[in-house]
C-alpha atoms as a PDB file:
ATOM      1  CA  UNK A   1      -2.733  -9.661  20.325  1.00  0.00           C
ATOM      2  CA  UNK A   2       0.844 -10.737  19.552  1.00  0.00           C
ATOM      3  CA  UNK A   3      -0.511 -13.256  17.035  1.00  0.00           C
ATOM      4  CA  UNK A   4      -2.306 -10.469  15.154  1.00  0.00           C
ATOM      5  CA  UNK A   5       0.830  -8.322  15.090  1.00  0.00           C
ATOM      6  CA  UNK A   6       2.795 -11.271  13.728  1.00  0.00           C
ATOM      7  CA  UNK A   7       0.161 -11.807  11.037  1.00  0.00           C
ATOM      8  CA  UNK A   8       0.330  -8.142  10.050  1.00  0.00           C
ATOM      9  CA  UNK A   9       4.133  -8.176  10.062  1.00  0.00           C
ATOM     10  CA  UNK A  10       4.198 -11.411   8.048  1.00  0.00           C
ATOM     11  CA  UNK A  11       1.847 -10.028   5.417  1.00  0.00           C
ATOM     12  CA  UNK A  12       3.898  -6.828   5.325  1.00  0.00           C
ATOM     13  CA  UNK A  13       7.147  -8.749   4.879  1.00  0.00           C
ATOM     14  CA  UNK A  14       5.776 -11.083   2.200  1.00  0.00           C
ATOM     15  CA  UNK A  15       4.270  -8.088   0.395  1.00  0.00           C
ATOM     16  CA  UNK A  16       7.517  -6.099   0.434  1.00  0.00           C
ATOM     17  CA  UNK A  17       9.465  -9.116  -0.825  1.00  0.00           C
ATOM     18  CA  UNK A  18       6.937  -9.776  -3.606  1.00  0.00           C
ATOM     19  CA  UNK A  19       7.002  -6.099  -4.578  1.00  0.00           C
ATOM     20  CA  UNK A  20      10.784  -5.828  -4.686  1.00  0.00           C
ATOM     21  CA  UNK A  21      11.284  -9.154  -6.484  1.00  0.00           C
ATOM     22  CA  UNK A  22       8.741  -8.236  -9.182  1.00  0.00           C
ATOM     23  CA  UNK A  23      10.326  -4.790  -9.610  1.00  0.00           C
ATOM     24  CA  UNK A  24      13.766  -6.385  -9.966  1.00  0.00           C
ATOM     25  CA  UNK A  25      12.383  -8.771 -12.585  1.00  0.00           C
ATOM     26  CA  UNK A  26      10.672  -5.909 -14.405  1.00  0.00           C
ATOM     27  CA  UNK A  27      13.909  -3.920 -14.499  1.00  0.00           C
ATOM     28  CA  UNK A  28      15.819  -6.970 -15.742  1.00  0.00           C
ATOM     29  CA  UNK A  29      13.391  -8.131 -18.422  1.00  0.00           C
ATOM     30  CA  UNK A  30      11.263  -5.217 -19.609  1.00  0.00           C
ATOM     31  CA  UNK A  31      12.222  -2.570 -22.152  1.00  0.00           C
ATOM     32  CA  UNK A  32      10.368   0.714 -21.517  1.00  0.00           C
ATOM     33  CA  UNK A  33      10.006   1.260 -25.258  1.00  0.00           C
ATOM     34  CA  UNK A  34       8.534  -2.204 -25.910  1.00  0.00           C
ATOM     35  CA  UNK A  35       5.487  -2.980 -23.751  1.00  0.00           C
ATOM     36  CA  UNK A  36       4.312  -6.586 -23.647  1.00  0.00           C
ATOM     37  CA  UNK A  37       0.609  -7.294 -23.951  1.00  0.00           C
ATOM     38  CA  UNK A  38      -0.779 -10.317 -22.131  1.00  0.00           C
ATOM     39  CA  UNK A  39      -4.221 -11.888 -21.825  1.00  0.00           C
ATOM     40  CA  UNK A  40      -5.453 -10.382 -25.084  1.00  0.00           C
ATOM     41  CA  UNK A  41      -4.423  -6.892 -23.987  1.00  0.00           C
ATOM     42  CA  UNK A  42      -6.107  -7.081 -20.567  1.00  0.00           C
ATOM     43  CA  UNK A  43      -2.699  -6.694 -18.917  1.00  0.00           C
ATOM     44  CA  UNK A  44       0.276  -4.838 -20.346  1.00  0.00           C
ATOM     45  CA  UNK A  45       3.771  -4.972 -18.904  1.00  0.00           C
ATOM     46  CA  UNK A  46       5.019  -1.399 -19.363  1.00  0.00           C
ATOM     47  CA  UNK A  47       8.096  -0.333 -17.410  1.00  0.00           C
ATOM     48  CA  UNK A  48       8.207   3.237 -16.117  1.00  0.00           C
ATOM     49  CA  UNK A  49      10.074   5.051 -13.379  1.00  0.00           C
ATOM     50  CA  UNK A  50       7.557   7.194 -11.534  1.00  0.00           C
ATOM     51  CA  UNK A  51       8.829  10.173  -9.501  1.00  0.00           C
ATOM     52  CA  UNK A  52       5.287  11.097  -8.429  1.00  0.00           C
ATOM     53  CA  UNK A  53       2.348   9.535  -6.677  1.00  0.00           C
ATOM     54  CA  UNK A  54      -0.677   7.731  -8.131  1.00  0.00           C
ATOM     55  CA  UNK A  55      -1.310   8.550 -11.780  1.00  0.00           C
ATOM     56  CA  UNK A  56       2.128  10.274 -11.805  1.00  0.00           C
ATOM     57  CA  UNK A  57       0.727  13.253  -9.904  1.00  0.00           C
ATOM     58  CA  UNK A  58       3.173  15.308  -7.846  1.00  0.00           C
ATOM     59  CA  UNK A  59       6.236  14.550  -9.943  1.00  0.00           C
ATOM     60  CA  UNK A  60       8.006  17.616  -8.529  1.00  0.00           C
ATOM     61  CA  UNK A  61       7.311  16.619  -4.929  1.00  0.00           C
ATOM     62  CA  UNK A  62       9.249  13.355  -4.651  1.00  0.00           C
ATOM     63  CA  UNK A  63      11.023  14.385  -1.440  1.00  0.00           C
ATOM     64  CA  UNK A  64       7.701  15.398   0.152  1.00  0.00           C
ATOM     65  CA  UNK A  65       6.105  12.112  -0.948  1.00  0.00           C
ATOM     66  CA  UNK A  66       9.058  10.245   0.564  1.00  0.00           C
ATOM     67  CA  UNK A  67       8.680  12.062   3.879  1.00  0.00           C
ATOM     68  CA  UNK A  68       4.908  11.415   3.892  1.00  0.00           C
ATOM     69  CA  UNK A  69       5.637   7.708   3.341  1.00  0.00           C
ATOM     70  CA  UNK A  70       8.091   7.674   6.259  1.00  0.00           C
ATOM     71  CA  UNK A  71       5.502   9.333   8.523  1.00  0.00           C
ATOM     72  CA  UNK A  72       2.818   6.910   7.293  1.00  0.00           C
ATOM     73  CA  UNK A  73       5.016   3.876   7.971  1.00  0.00           C
ATOM     74  CA  UNK A  74       5.864   5.127  11.461  1.00  0.00           C
ATOM     75  CA  UNK A  75       2.177   5.861  12.094  1.00  0.00           C
ATOM     76  CA  UNK A  76       1.092   2.401  10.997  1.00  0.00           C
ATOM     77  CA  UNK A  77       3.750   0.650  13.081  1.00  0.00           C
ATOM     78  CA  UNK A  78       3.632   2.926  16.113  1.00  0.00           C
ATOM     79  CA  UNK A  79      -0.038   3.899  16.283  1.00  0.00           C
ATOM     80  CA  UNK A  80      -2.264   1.563  14.245  1.00  0.00           C
ATOM     81  CA  UNK A  81      -0.574  -1.813  14.708  1.00  0.00           C
ATOM     82  CA  UNK A  82      -0.651  -1.693  18.551  1.00  0.00           C
ATOM     83  CA  UNK A  83      -4.421  -1.040  18.427  1.00  0.00           C
ATOM     84  CA  UNK A  84      -5.241  -4.032  16.175  1.00  0.00           C
ATOM     85  CA  UNK A  85      -7.447  -6.603  17.940  1.00  0.00           C
ATOM     86  CA  UNK A  86      -9.216  -8.100  14.923  1.00  0.00           C
ATOM     87  CA  UNK A  87      -7.918 -10.461  12.225  1.00  0.00           C
ATOM     88  CA  UNK A  88      -9.350  -8.383   9.372  1.00  0.00           C
ATOM     89  CA  UNK A  89      -7.628  -5.278  10.678  1.00  0.00           C
ATOM     90  CA  UNK A  90      -4.372  -7.235  11.031  1.00  0.00           C
ATOM     91  CA  UNK A  91      -4.603  -8.245   7.364  1.00  0.00           C
ATOM     92  CA  UNK A  92      -5.434  -4.680   6.308  1.00  0.00           C
ATOM     93  CA  UNK A  93      -2.553  -3.311   8.383  1.00  0.00           C
ATOM     94  CA  UNK A  94      -0.124  -5.842   6.890  1.00  0.00           C
ATOM     95  CA  UNK A  95      -1.251  -4.951   3.375  1.00  0.00           C
ATOM     96  CA  UNK A  96      -0.889  -1.254   4.111  1.00  0.00           C
ATOM     97  CA  UNK A  97       2.614  -1.778   5.491  1.00  0.00           C
ATOM     98  CA  UNK A  98       3.609  -3.798   2.429  1.00  0.00           C
ATOM     99  CA  UNK A  99       2.405  -1.080   0.110  1.00  0.00           C
ATOM    100  CA  UNK A 100       3.917   1.843   1.980  1.00  0.00           C
ATOM    101  CA  UNK A 101       7.275   0.141   2.531  1.00  0.00           C
ATOM    102  CA  UNK A 102       7.497  -1.312  -0.980  1.00  0.00           C
ATOM    103  CA  UNK A 103       7.253   2.109  -2.596  1.00  0.00           C
ATOM    104  CA  UNK A 104       9.277   3.810   0.150  1.00  0.00           C
ATOM    105  CA  UNK A 105      12.189   1.448  -0.532  1.00  0.00           C
ATOM    106  CA  UNK A 106      12.182   2.695  -4.126  1.00  0.00           C
ATOM    107  CA  UNK A 107      12.114   6.333  -3.013  1.00  0.00           C
ATOM    108  CA  UNK A 108      15.012   5.777  -0.630  1.00  0.00           C
ATOM    109  CA  UNK A 109      17.286   3.495  -2.655  1.00  0.00           C
ATOM    110  CA  UNK A 110      16.598   3.948  -6.370  1.00  0.00           C
ATOM    111  CA  UNK A 111      17.908   6.566  -8.769  1.00  0.00           C
ATOM    112  CA  UNK A 112      18.255   9.495  -8.785  1.00  0.00           C
ATOM    113  CA  UNK A 113      19.016   9.259  -5.041  1.00  0.00           C
ATOM    114  CA  UNK A 114      17.740   9.032  -1.458  1.00  0.00           C
ATOM    115  CA  UNK A 115      14.275  10.560  -0.951  1.00  0.00           C
ATOM    116  CA  UNK A 116      14.198  11.365  -4.684  1.00  0.00           C
ATOM    117  CA  UNK A 117      14.128   7.801  -5.994  1.00  0.00           C
ATOM    118  CA  UNK A 118      11.623   6.885  -8.651  1.00  0.00           C
ATOM    119  CA  UNK A 119       9.074   4.147  -7.974  1.00  0.00           C
ATOM    120  CA  UNK A 120       9.181   1.256 -10.421  1.00  0.00           C
ATOM    121  CA  UNK A 121       5.771   0.672 -12.035  1.00  0.00           C
ATOM    122  CA  UNK A 122       5.145  -1.980 -14.671  1.00  0.00           C
ATOM    123  CA  UNK A 123       1.570  -3.318 -14.612  1.00  0.00           C
ATOM    124  CA  UNK A 124      -1.132  -1.682 -16.695  1.00  0.00           C
ATOM    125  CA  UNK A 125      -4.796  -2.440 -17.226  1.00  0.00           C
ATOM    126  CA  UNK A 126      -6.731  -0.864 -20.117  1.00  0.00           C
ATOM    127  CA  UNK A 127      -7.522   2.817 -19.507  1.00  0.00           C
ATOM    128  CA  UNK A 128      -5.791   2.808 -16.130  1.00  0.00           C
ATOM    129  CA  UNK A 129      -2.539   4.027 -14.585  1.00  0.00           C
ATOM    130  CA  UNK A 130       0.596   1.912 -14.550  1.00  0.00           C
ATOM    131  CA  UNK A 131       1.144   0.430 -11.086  1.00  0.00           C
ATOM    132  CA  UNK A 132       3.105  -2.178  -9.122  1.00  0.00           C
ATOM    133  CA  UNK A 133       2.619  -4.867  -6.470  1.00  0.00           C
ATOM    134  CA  UNK A 134       2.973  -2.362  -3.599  1.00  0.00           C
ATOM    135  CA  UNK A 135       0.098  -0.368  -5.105  1.00  0.00           C
ATOM    136  CA  UNK A 136      -1.978  -3.554  -5.209  1.00  0.00           C
ATOM    137  CA  UNK A 137      -1.360  -4.061  -1.485  1.00  0.00           C
ATOM    138  CA  UNK A 138      -2.394  -0.470  -0.710  1.00  0.00           C
ATOM    139  CA  UNK A 139      -5.566  -0.963  -2.749  1.00  0.00           C
ATOM    140  CA  UNK A 140      -6.287  -4.257  -0.991  1.00  0.00           C
ATOM    141  CA  UNK A 141      -5.838  -2.519   2.375  1.00  0.00           C
ATOM    142  CA  UNK A 142      -8.302   0.196   1.345  1.00  0.00           C
ATOM    143  CA  UNK A 143     -10.889  -2.376   0.227  1.00  0.00           C
ATOM    144  CA  UNK A 144     -10.513  -4.360   3.459  1.00  0.00           C
ATOM    145  CA  UNK A 145     -10.806  -1.223   5.603  1.00  0.00           C
ATOM    146  CA  UNK A 146     -13.940  -0.174   3.725  1.00  0.00           C
ATOM    147  CA  UNK A 147     -15.411  -3.658   4.220  1.00  0.00           C
ATOM    148  CA  UNK A 148     -14.567  -3.683   7.919  1.00  0.00           C
ATOM    149  CA  UNK A 149     -15.936  -0.208   8.592  1.00  0.00           C
ATOM    150  CA  UNK A 150     -18.983  -0.149   6.316  1.00  0.00           C
ATOM    151  CA  UNK A 151     -20.138  -3.757   6.063  1.00  0.00           C
ATOM    152  CA  UNK A 152     -19.007  -5.657   9.149  1.00  0.00           C
ATOM    153  CA  UNK A 153     -18.786  -2.436  11.167  1.00  0.00           C
ATOM    154  CA  UNK A 154     -15.965  -3.616  13.364  1.00  0.00           C
ATOM    155  CA  UNK A 155     -13.408  -1.179  14.739  1.00  0.00           C
ATOM    156  CA  UNK A 156      -9.675  -1.707  14.805  1.00  0.00           C
ATOM    157  CA  UNK A 157      -9.914  -2.837  18.427  1.00  0.00           C
ATOM    158  CA  UNK A 158     -12.327  -5.605  17.413  1.00  0.00           C
ATOM    159  CA  UNK A 159     -15.486  -4.103  18.890  1.00  0.00           C
ATOM    160  CA  UNK A 160     -18.700  -3.834  16.936  1.00  0.00           C
ATOM    161  CA  UNK A 161     -19.834  -0.328  16.119  1.00  0.00           C
ATOM    162  CA  UNK A 162     -23.173  -1.416  14.640  1.00  0.00           C
ATOM    163  CA  UNK A 163     -25.321  -0.502  17.624  1.00  0.00           C
ATOM    164  CA  UNK A 164     -23.198   2.172  19.253  1.00  0.00           C
ATOM    165  CA  UNK A 165     -24.923   5.557  19.333  1.00  0.00           C
ATOM    166  CA  UNK A 166     -22.957   8.197  17.418  1.00  0.00           C
ATOM    167  CA  UNK A 167     -21.443  11.180  19.171  1.00  0.00           C
ATOM    168  CA  UNK A 168     -20.952  14.670  17.810  1.00  0.00           C
ATOM    169  CA  UNK A 169     -17.464  13.649  16.646  1.00  0.00           C
ATOM    170  CA  UNK A 170     -18.758  10.539  14.893  1.00  0.00           C
ATOM    171  CA  UNK A 171     -17.190   8.127  17.366  1.00  0.00           C
ATOM    172  CA  UNK A 172     -18.793   5.817  19.898  1.00  0.00           C
ATOM    173  CA  UNK A 173     -20.078   7.123  23.209  1.00  0.00           C
ATOM    174  CA  UNK A 174     -17.548   5.067  25.205  1.00  0.00           C
ATOM    175  CA  UNK A 175     -14.509   6.452  23.397  1.00  0.00           C
END
């Protein structure tokens, strides 16, 4: 149990560090008016400061998005992490923490000010939104959670839900 929490925390820490280091490098080396195309245009380095959420939605709700991120981080640490009893869920939880905290750091400490800070995005694929390393961790967490719930059918506590009869609420009978 403690080992799984340490794994999740380690992934979260490494993810936050990778996110913040890459954002610092992007701010130091990228000009927003001069995107850099790499890999034959498959990846473009395009610096933007995003006050909103995914796809720049909710640009006028930065404070609300910041508060949601704080609640999400507290929920992951205080509710989800203590329930983790499976390595896959520990990895997913660590990835989720990295993503939430990486973008929350921007919202708390970047201009224009606390809870209104803009998230630094700089990676762009063709016909897709501009994103960052924290967003990649959130996406990885979502993919892992989908795999764990739909394919391996293992719950966060490590029990198999493959053969458990469903209840009216969709949970297992023994819950």
